[in-house]
Amino acid sequence: MTAKPMVAGTPVTIEYLERFPNFTSICASWTFGQWGCQSNGSYEQTRGEFEAATKNSMPLTLIAIENALSVGMVTSADRDFDGKPHLSPWLKSLFVHPFYRKKRIATLLIERLEHEALCIGCKSLYLMREFLRKERLAGN
């Protein structure tokens, strides 16, 4: 299942990172630059997580490609929040390059990730923002 919507007249495809290992460094750079540099992680550790991504298990990373360029990505993983280890899997590392934002690419990535998660037996995905909002509303 490959989505091919038109973004600015060019088709965008959603693919497994596993099939395009040449984009591993880009995904690691985006993720480490956005989140990892604040969490005592390292670029090498982040890159290793993307190298471990497969299409049949967690972590699972999808990339959005336009004109042979990676323009966005999303990952699901078994854990993304140490405070609640029983909650799994998590949608994490959603990133769309600033030049490609507001073109529905994030929506396409999330929809495809939901589909892929269902295919490998996941009945739900957790998202940090929604989880924290629900926790605050519940008074936890």
N, C-alpha and C. Protein backbone atom coordinates (compact mmCIF):
# COMPACT_ATOMS: atom_id res chain seq x y z
N MET A 1 0.84 -1.18 0.00
CA MET A 1 0.00 0.00 0.00
C MET A 1 0.89 1.24 0.00
N THR A 2 0.97 1.92 -1.08
CA THR A 2 1.77 3.13 -1.20
C THR A 2 0.86 4.29 -1.55
N ALA A 3 0.84 5.29 -0.69
CA ALA A 3 0.02 6.47 -0.97
C ALA A 3 0.75 7.32 -2.00
N LYS A 4 0.00 7.83 -2.98
CA LYS A 4 0.62 8.67 -4.01
C LYS A 4 -0.21 9.93 -4.25
N PRO A 5 -0.39 10.74 -3.19
CA PRO A 5 -1.10 11.99 -3.40
C PRO A 5 -0.19 12.98 -4.11
N MET A 6 -0.80 13.96 -4.68
CA MET A 6 -0.03 14.99 -5.36
C MET A 6 0.25 16.13 -4.37
N VAL A 7 1.48 16.45 -4.22
CA VAL A 7 1.90 17.58 -3.41
C VAL A 7 2.64 18.51 -4.34
N ALA A 8 2.07 19.66 -4.58
CA ALA A 8 2.66 20.63 -5.50
C ALA A 8 2.92 20.00 -6.87
N GLY A 9 2.00 19.14 -7.32
CA GLY A 9 2.10 18.56 -8.65
C GLY A 9 2.99 17.34 -8.76
N THR A 10 3.60 16.92 -7.66
CA THR A 10 4.52 15.78 -7.68
C THR A 10 3.98 14.70 -6.74
N PRO A 11 4.00 13.44 -7.16
CA PRO A 11 3.51 12.40 -6.26
C PRO A 11 4.44 12.19 -5.07
N VAL A 12 3.83 12.01 -3.91
CA VAL A 12 4.55 11.67 -2.69
C VAL A 12 4.26 10.21 -2.41
N THR A 13 5.29 9.44 -2.15
CA THR A 13 5.09 8.04 -1.80
C THR A 13 5.48 7.84 -0.34
N ILE A 14 4.79 6.93 0.30
CA ILE A 14 5.09 6.55 1.68
C ILE A 14 5.68 5.15 1.62
N GLU A 15 6.91 5.01 2.09
CA GLU A 15 7.65 3.75 1.98
C GLU A 15 8.27 3.37 3.31
N TYR A 16 8.66 2.11 3.43
CA TYR A 16 9.41 1.65 4.59
C TYR A 16 10.84 2.18 4.51
N LEU A 17 11.35 2.69 5.62
CA LEU A 17 12.75 3.11 5.66
C LEU A 17 13.65 1.92 5.33
N GLU A 18 13.27 0.76 5.76
CA GLU A 18 14.04 -0.47 5.51
C GLU A 18 14.36 -0.64 4.03
N ARG A 19 13.47 -0.21 3.15
CA ARG A 19 13.67 -0.35 1.71
C ARG A 19 14.56 0.75 1.13
N PHE A 20 14.79 1.81 1.91
CA PHE A 20 15.60 2.95 1.45
C PHE A 20 16.63 3.30 2.52
N PRO A 21 17.57 2.40 2.79
CA PRO A 21 18.54 2.64 3.87
C PRO A 21 19.39 3.90 3.66
N ASN A 22 19.44 4.41 2.43
CA ASN A 22 20.20 5.64 2.19
C ASN A 22 19.57 6.84 2.90
N PHE A 23 18.31 6.72 3.37
CA PHE A 23 17.67 7.81 4.11
C PHE A 23 17.81 7.67 5.62
N THR A 24 18.51 6.65 6.08
CA THR A 24 18.67 6.43 7.52
C THR A 24 19.34 7.61 8.20
N SER A 25 20.39 8.14 7.62
CA SER A 25 21.11 9.28 8.22
C SER A 25 20.22 10.51 8.32
N ILE A 26 19.38 10.73 7.30
CA ILE A 26 18.48 11.88 7.32
C ILE A 26 17.48 11.74 8.46
N CYS A 27 16.87 10.56 8.58
CA CYS A 27 15.89 10.34 9.65
C CYS A 27 16.55 10.49 11.02
N ALA A 28 17.74 9.95 11.17
CA ALA A 28 18.45 10.07 12.45
C ALA A 28 18.78 11.52 12.75
N SER A 29 19.19 12.28 11.75
CA SER A 29 19.50 13.70 11.95
C SER A 29 18.26 14.49 12.36
N TRP A 30 17.15 14.26 11.67
CA TRP A 30 15.92 14.95 12.03
C TRP A 30 15.52 14.63 13.46
N THR A 31 15.52 13.35 13.80
CA THR A 31 15.08 12.92 15.13
C THR A 31 16.02 13.41 16.22
N PHE A 32 17.31 13.23 16.02
CA PHE A 32 18.26 13.67 17.04
C PHE A 32 18.21 15.19 17.18
N GLY A 33 18.11 15.90 16.07
CA GLY A 33 18.04 17.36 16.13
C GLY A 33 16.80 17.88 16.82
N GLN A 34 15.67 17.21 16.64
CA GLN A 34 14.41 17.66 17.24
C GLN A 34 14.27 17.23 18.70
N TRP A 35 14.64 15.98 19.02
CA TRP A 35 14.34 15.44 20.34
C TRP A 35 15.55 14.85 21.06
N GLY A 36 16.41 14.16 20.35
CA GLY A 36 17.49 13.42 20.99
C GLY A 36 18.53 14.27 21.68
N CYS A 37 18.81 15.44 21.11
CA CYS A 37 19.84 16.29 21.70
C CYS A 37 19.41 16.82 23.07
N GLN A 38 18.14 16.72 23.41
CA GLN A 38 17.64 17.17 24.71
C GLN A 38 17.51 16.04 25.72
N SER A 39 17.76 14.81 25.29
CA SER A 39 17.49 13.67 26.18
C SER A 39 18.73 12.85 26.52
N ASN A 40 19.89 13.48 26.48
CA ASN A 40 21.14 12.79 26.80
C ASN A 40 21.43 11.61 25.88
N GLY A 41 20.83 11.60 24.70
CA GLY A 41 21.11 10.57 23.72
C GLY A 41 22.29 10.97 22.85
N SER A 42 22.57 10.15 21.87
CA SER A 42 23.64 10.47 20.93
C SER A 42 23.11 10.24 19.51
N TYR A 43 23.73 10.89 18.56
CA TYR A 43 23.36 10.69 17.17
C TYR A 43 23.56 9.22 16.78
N GLU A 44 24.66 8.62 17.23
CA GLU A 44 24.96 7.23 16.89
C GLU A 44 23.87 6.30 17.43
N GLN A 45 23.40 6.54 18.65
CA GLN A 45 22.33 5.74 19.23
C GLN A 45 21.05 5.90 18.41
N THR A 46 20.74 7.13 18.05
CA THR A 46 19.54 7.40 17.26
C THR A 46 19.63 6.71 15.91
N ARG A 47 20.78 6.80 15.26
CA ARG A 47 20.97 6.15 13.97
C ARG A 47 20.80 4.63 14.10
N GLY A 48 21.32 4.06 15.17
CA GLY A 48 21.18 2.63 15.41
C GLY A 48 19.72 2.20 15.53
N GLU A 49 18.90 3.05 16.12
CA GLU A 49 17.47 2.74 16.23
C GLU A 49 16.83 2.69 14.84
N PHE A 50 17.22 3.60 13.97
CA PHE A 50 16.66 3.59 12.61
C PHE A 50 17.20 2.43 11.79
N GLU A 51 18.42 2.04 12.02
CA GLU A 51 18.97 0.89 11.31
C GLU A 51 18.25 -0.40 11.71
N ALA A 52 17.69 -0.43 12.93
CA ALA A 52 16.96 -1.60 13.41
C ALA A 52 15.51 -1.65 12.93
N ALA A 53 15.04 -0.57 12.32
CA ALA A 53 13.63 -0.51 11.89
C ALA A 53 13.35 -1.53 10.79
N THR A 54 12.26 -2.27 10.97
CA THR A 54 11.83 -3.25 9.97
C THR A 54 10.37 -3.02 9.64
N LYS A 55 9.89 -3.67 8.62
CA LYS A 55 8.48 -3.50 8.24
C LYS A 55 7.56 -4.49 8.93
N ASN A 56 8.11 -5.44 9.67
CA ASN A 56 7.30 -6.48 10.29
C ASN A 56 7.24 -6.43 11.80
N SER A 57 7.94 -5.47 12.42
CA SER A 57 7.95 -5.40 13.89
C SER A 57 8.33 -3.99 14.31
N MET A 58 8.40 -3.77 15.61
CA MET A 58 8.79 -2.47 16.14
C MET A 58 10.29 -2.45 16.35
N PRO A 59 10.98 -1.36 16.12
CA PRO A 59 10.44 -0.12 15.60
C PRO A 59 10.15 -0.22 14.10
N LEU A 60 9.17 0.56 13.69
CA LEU A 60 8.76 0.63 12.29
C LEU A 60 8.85 2.09 11.87
N THR A 61 9.59 2.36 10.81
CA THR A 61 9.72 3.74 10.33
C THR A 61 9.26 3.81 8.89
N LEU A 62 8.43 4.80 8.62
CA LEU A 62 7.95 5.10 7.28
C LEU A 62 8.50 6.46 6.86
N ILE A 63 8.81 6.58 5.57
CA ILE A 63 9.31 7.86 5.07
C ILE A 63 8.43 8.32 3.92
N ALA A 64 8.31 9.63 3.82
CA ALA A 64 7.61 10.25 2.69
C ALA A 64 8.68 10.68 1.70
N ILE A 65 8.49 10.30 0.44
CA ILE A 65 9.49 10.59 -0.60
C ILE A 65 8.83 11.39 -1.71
N GLU A 66 9.50 12.46 -2.12
CA GLU A 66 9.07 13.24 -3.26
C GLU A 66 10.30 13.56 -4.10
N ASN A 67 10.22 13.30 -5.39
CA ASN A 67 11.35 13.55 -6.29
C ASN A 67 12.66 12.96 -5.78
N ALA A 68 12.59 11.74 -5.29
CA ALA A 68 13.76 11.00 -4.78
C ALA A 68 14.37 11.62 -3.52
N LEU A 69 13.64 12.52 -2.85
CA LEU A 69 14.09 13.13 -1.59
C LEU A 69 13.19 12.69 -0.46
N SER A 70 13.78 12.42 0.68
CA SER A 70 12.98 12.14 1.87
C SER A 70 12.49 13.49 2.41
N VAL A 71 11.15 13.62 2.52
CA VAL A 71 10.58 14.90 2.96
C VAL A 71 9.88 14.78 4.31
N GLY A 72 9.76 13.57 4.84
CA GLY A 72 9.13 13.38 6.14
C GLY A 72 9.27 11.95 6.61
N MET A 73 8.93 11.72 7.87
CA MET A 73 9.06 10.39 8.45
C MET A 73 8.17 10.26 9.67
N VAL A 74 7.87 9.02 10.04
CA VAL A 74 7.19 8.71 11.29
C VAL A 74 7.66 7.34 11.75
N THR A 75 7.72 7.16 13.06
CA THR A 75 8.17 5.90 13.64
C THR A 75 7.19 5.44 14.69
N SER A 76 7.01 4.16 14.78
CA SER A 76 6.32 3.58 15.93
C SER A 76 7.33 2.70 16.65
N ALA A 77 7.20 2.66 17.96
CA ALA A 77 8.15 1.89 18.77
C ALA A 77 7.42 1.29 19.96
N ASP A 78 8.02 0.25 20.53
CA ASP A 78 7.42 -0.40 21.69
C ASP A 78 7.28 0.57 22.86
N ARG A 79 8.28 1.43 23.05
CA ARG A 79 8.26 2.35 24.19
C ARG A 79 8.71 3.73 23.75
N ASP A 80 8.07 4.74 24.33
CA ASP A 80 8.51 6.12 24.14
C ASP A 80 8.33 6.91 25.42
N PHE A 81 7.79 6.27 26.45
CA PHE A 81 7.50 6.96 27.69
C PHE A 81 7.81 6.01 28.83
N ASP A 82 8.92 6.26 29.53
CA ASP A 82 9.36 5.34 30.58
C ASP A 82 8.40 5.29 31.77
N GLY A 83 7.57 6.31 31.94
CA GLY A 83 6.67 6.34 33.08
C GLY A 83 5.53 5.35 33.00
N LYS A 84 5.24 4.82 31.82
CA LYS A 84 4.13 3.88 31.63
C LYS A 84 4.56 2.74 30.70
N PRO A 85 5.43 1.84 31.18
CA PRO A 85 5.95 0.79 30.30
C PRO A 85 4.90 -0.18 29.78
N HIS A 86 3.74 -0.26 30.42
CA HIS A 86 2.69 -1.17 29.99
C HIS A 86 1.93 -0.65 28.77
N LEU A 87 2.12 0.61 28.42
CA LEU A 87 1.46 1.18 27.25
C LEU A 87 2.36 1.02 26.03
N SER A 88 1.85 0.34 25.03
CA SER A 88 2.66 0.06 23.84
C SER A 88 1.73 -0.34 22.70
N PRO A 89 2.12 0.00 21.49
CA PRO A 89 3.25 0.77 20.99
C PRO A 89 2.91 2.27 20.90
N TRP A 90 3.93 3.04 20.63
CA TRP A 90 3.83 4.49 20.57
C TRP A 90 4.09 5.00 19.16
N LEU A 91 3.34 6.01 18.79
CA LEU A 91 3.67 6.78 17.59
C LEU A 91 4.67 7.83 18.05
N LYS A 92 5.83 7.86 17.43
CA LYS A 92 6.86 8.82 17.84
C LYS A 92 7.61 9.30 16.62
N SER A 93 8.37 10.32 16.79
CA SER A 93 9.25 10.85 15.75
C SER A 93 8.53 11.19 14.46
N LEU A 94 7.41 11.87 14.56
CA LEU A 94 6.76 12.39 13.36
C LEU A 94 7.45 13.69 12.98
N PHE A 95 7.97 13.72 11.77
CA PHE A 95 8.69 14.92 11.31
C PHE A 95 8.46 15.11 9.82
N VAL A 96 8.14 16.33 9.44
CA VAL A 96 8.05 16.71 8.03
C VAL A 96 8.96 17.93 7.86
N HIS A 97 9.81 17.86 6.85
CA HIS A 97 10.73 18.96 6.59
C HIS A 97 9.93 20.25 6.44
N PRO A 98 10.41 21.35 7.00
CA PRO A 98 9.66 22.62 6.95
C PRO A 98 9.22 23.04 5.55
N PHE A 99 9.99 22.75 4.52
CA PHE A 99 9.61 23.13 3.15
C PHE A 99 8.38 22.37 2.65
N TYR A 100 8.03 21.26 3.32
CA TYR A 100 6.95 20.40 2.84
C TYR A 100 5.75 20.36 3.80
N ARG A 101 5.76 21.21 4.79
CA ARG A 101 4.66 21.22 5.75
C ARG A 101 3.41 21.84 5.15
N LYS A 102 2.27 21.56 5.79
CA LYS A 102 0.96 22.06 5.37
C LYS A 102 0.54 21.53 4.00
N LYS A 103 0.97 20.30 3.71
CA LYS A 103 0.63 19.64 2.44
C LYS A 103 0.05 18.26 2.69
N ARG A 104 -0.41 17.99 3.91
CA ARG A 104 -1.03 16.72 4.30
C ARG A 104 -0.05 15.55 4.40
N ILE A 105 1.23 15.81 4.34
CA ILE A 105 2.20 14.72 4.41
C ILE A 105 2.18 14.07 5.78
N ALA A 106 2.07 14.84 6.85
CA ALA A 106 2.00 14.27 8.20
C ALA A 106 0.77 13.38 8.33
N THR A 107 -0.35 13.83 7.80
CA THR A 107 -1.57 13.02 7.84
C THR A 107 -1.38 11.71 7.09
N LEU A 108 -0.77 11.77 5.93
CA LEU A 108 -0.52 10.56 5.15
C LEU A 108 0.39 9.59 5.90
N LEU A 109 1.42 10.11 6.54
CA LEU A 109 2.33 9.27 7.31
C LEU A 109 1.61 8.60 8.48
N ILE A 110 0.80 9.36 9.20
CA ILE A 110 0.08 8.79 10.35
C ILE A 110 -0.93 7.75 9.89
N GLU A 111 -1.68 8.05 8.85
CA GLU A 111 -2.67 7.07 8.36
C GLU A 111 -2.00 5.78 7.93
N ARG A 112 -0.89 5.89 7.25
CA ARG A 112 -0.18 4.68 6.80
C ARG A 112 0.39 3.93 8.00
N LEU A 113 0.92 4.66 8.98
CA LEU A 113 1.46 4.00 10.17
C LEU A 113 0.35 3.26 10.92
N GLU A 114 -0.82 3.86 11.02
CA GLU A 114 -1.94 3.18 11.66
C GLU A 114 -2.27 1.88 10.93
N HIS A 115 -2.29 1.94 9.61
CA HIS A 115 -2.56 0.74 8.80
C HIS A 115 -1.50 -0.33 9.05
N GLU A 116 -0.25 0.06 9.01
CA GLU A 116 0.85 -0.90 9.21
C GLU A 116 0.81 -1.50 10.61
N ALA A 117 0.48 -0.69 11.61
CA ALA A 117 0.40 -1.19 12.99
C ALA A 117 -0.70 -2.25 13.09
N LEU A 118 -1.83 -1.99 12.46
CA LEU A 118 -2.91 -2.99 12.45
C LEU A 118 -2.46 -4.29 11.79
N CYS A 119 -1.72 -4.17 10.72
CA CYS A 119 -1.24 -5.35 9.98
C CYS A 119 -0.32 -6.24 10.81
N ILE A 120 0.41 -5.65 11.76
CA ILE A 120 1.30 -6.46 12.60
C ILE A 120 0.68 -6.77 13.96
N GLY A 121 -0.63 -6.52 14.07
CA GLY A 121 -1.36 -6.95 15.25
C GLY A 121 -1.56 -5.93 16.35
N CYS A 122 -1.23 -4.69 16.12
CA CYS A 122 -1.43 -3.65 17.14
C CYS A 122 -2.87 -3.16 17.08
N LYS A 123 -3.50 -3.07 18.23
CA LYS A 123 -4.88 -2.60 18.27
C LYS A 123 -4.98 -1.11 18.59
N SER A 124 -3.89 -0.51 19.07
CA SER A 124 -3.89 0.91 19.38
C SER A 124 -2.46 1.45 19.28
N LEU A 125 -2.36 2.75 19.16
CA LEU A 125 -1.08 3.45 19.20
C LEU A 125 -1.21 4.56 20.23
N TYR A 126 -0.19 4.77 21.02
CA TYR A 126 -0.20 5.84 22.00
C TYR A 126 0.61 7.01 21.46
N LEU A 127 0.19 8.19 21.84
CA LEU A 127 0.85 9.42 21.41
C LEU A 127 1.09 10.27 22.64
N MET A 128 2.30 10.72 22.85
CA MET A 128 2.66 11.43 24.06
C MET A 128 1.75 12.63 24.31
N ARG A 129 1.49 13.45 23.33
CA ARG A 129 0.70 14.65 23.54
C ARG A 129 -0.71 14.30 24.04
N GLU A 130 -1.37 13.36 23.38
CA GLU A 130 -2.71 12.96 23.78
C GLU A 130 -2.68 12.30 25.15
N PHE A 131 -1.68 11.47 25.38
CA PHE A 131 -1.58 10.77 26.65
C PHE A 131 -1.45 11.76 27.79
N LEU A 132 -0.55 12.73 27.64
CA LEU A 132 -0.35 13.70 28.70
C LEU A 132 -1.60 14.54 28.93
N ARG A 133 -2.29 14.90 27.86
CA ARG A 133 -3.52 15.68 28.00
C ARG A 133 -4.56 14.86 28.77
N LYS A 134 -4.71 13.60 28.44
CA LYS A 134 -5.67 12.75 29.14
C LYS A 134 -5.28 12.56 30.60
N GLU A 135 -3.98 12.43 30.86
CA GLU A 135 -3.50 12.28 32.24
C GLU A 135 -3.83 13.53 33.05
N ARG A 136 -3.60 14.72 32.48
CA ARG A 136 -3.91 15.96 33.18
C ARG A 136 -5.41 16.08 33.44
N LEU A 137 -6.23 15.73 32.46
CA LEU A 137 -7.68 15.81 32.64
C LEU A 137 -8.16 14.84 33.71
N ALA A 138 -7.52 13.70 33.81
CA ALA A 138 -7.90 12.70 34.80
C ALA A 138 -7.34 13.01 36.19
N GLY A 139 -6.47 14.02 36.28
CA GLY A 139 -5.87 14.40 37.55
C GLY A 139 -4.74 13.51 37.98
N ASN A 140 -4.14 12.77 37.06
CA ASN A 140 -3.01 11.88 37.37
C ASN A 140 -1.69 12.58 37.24
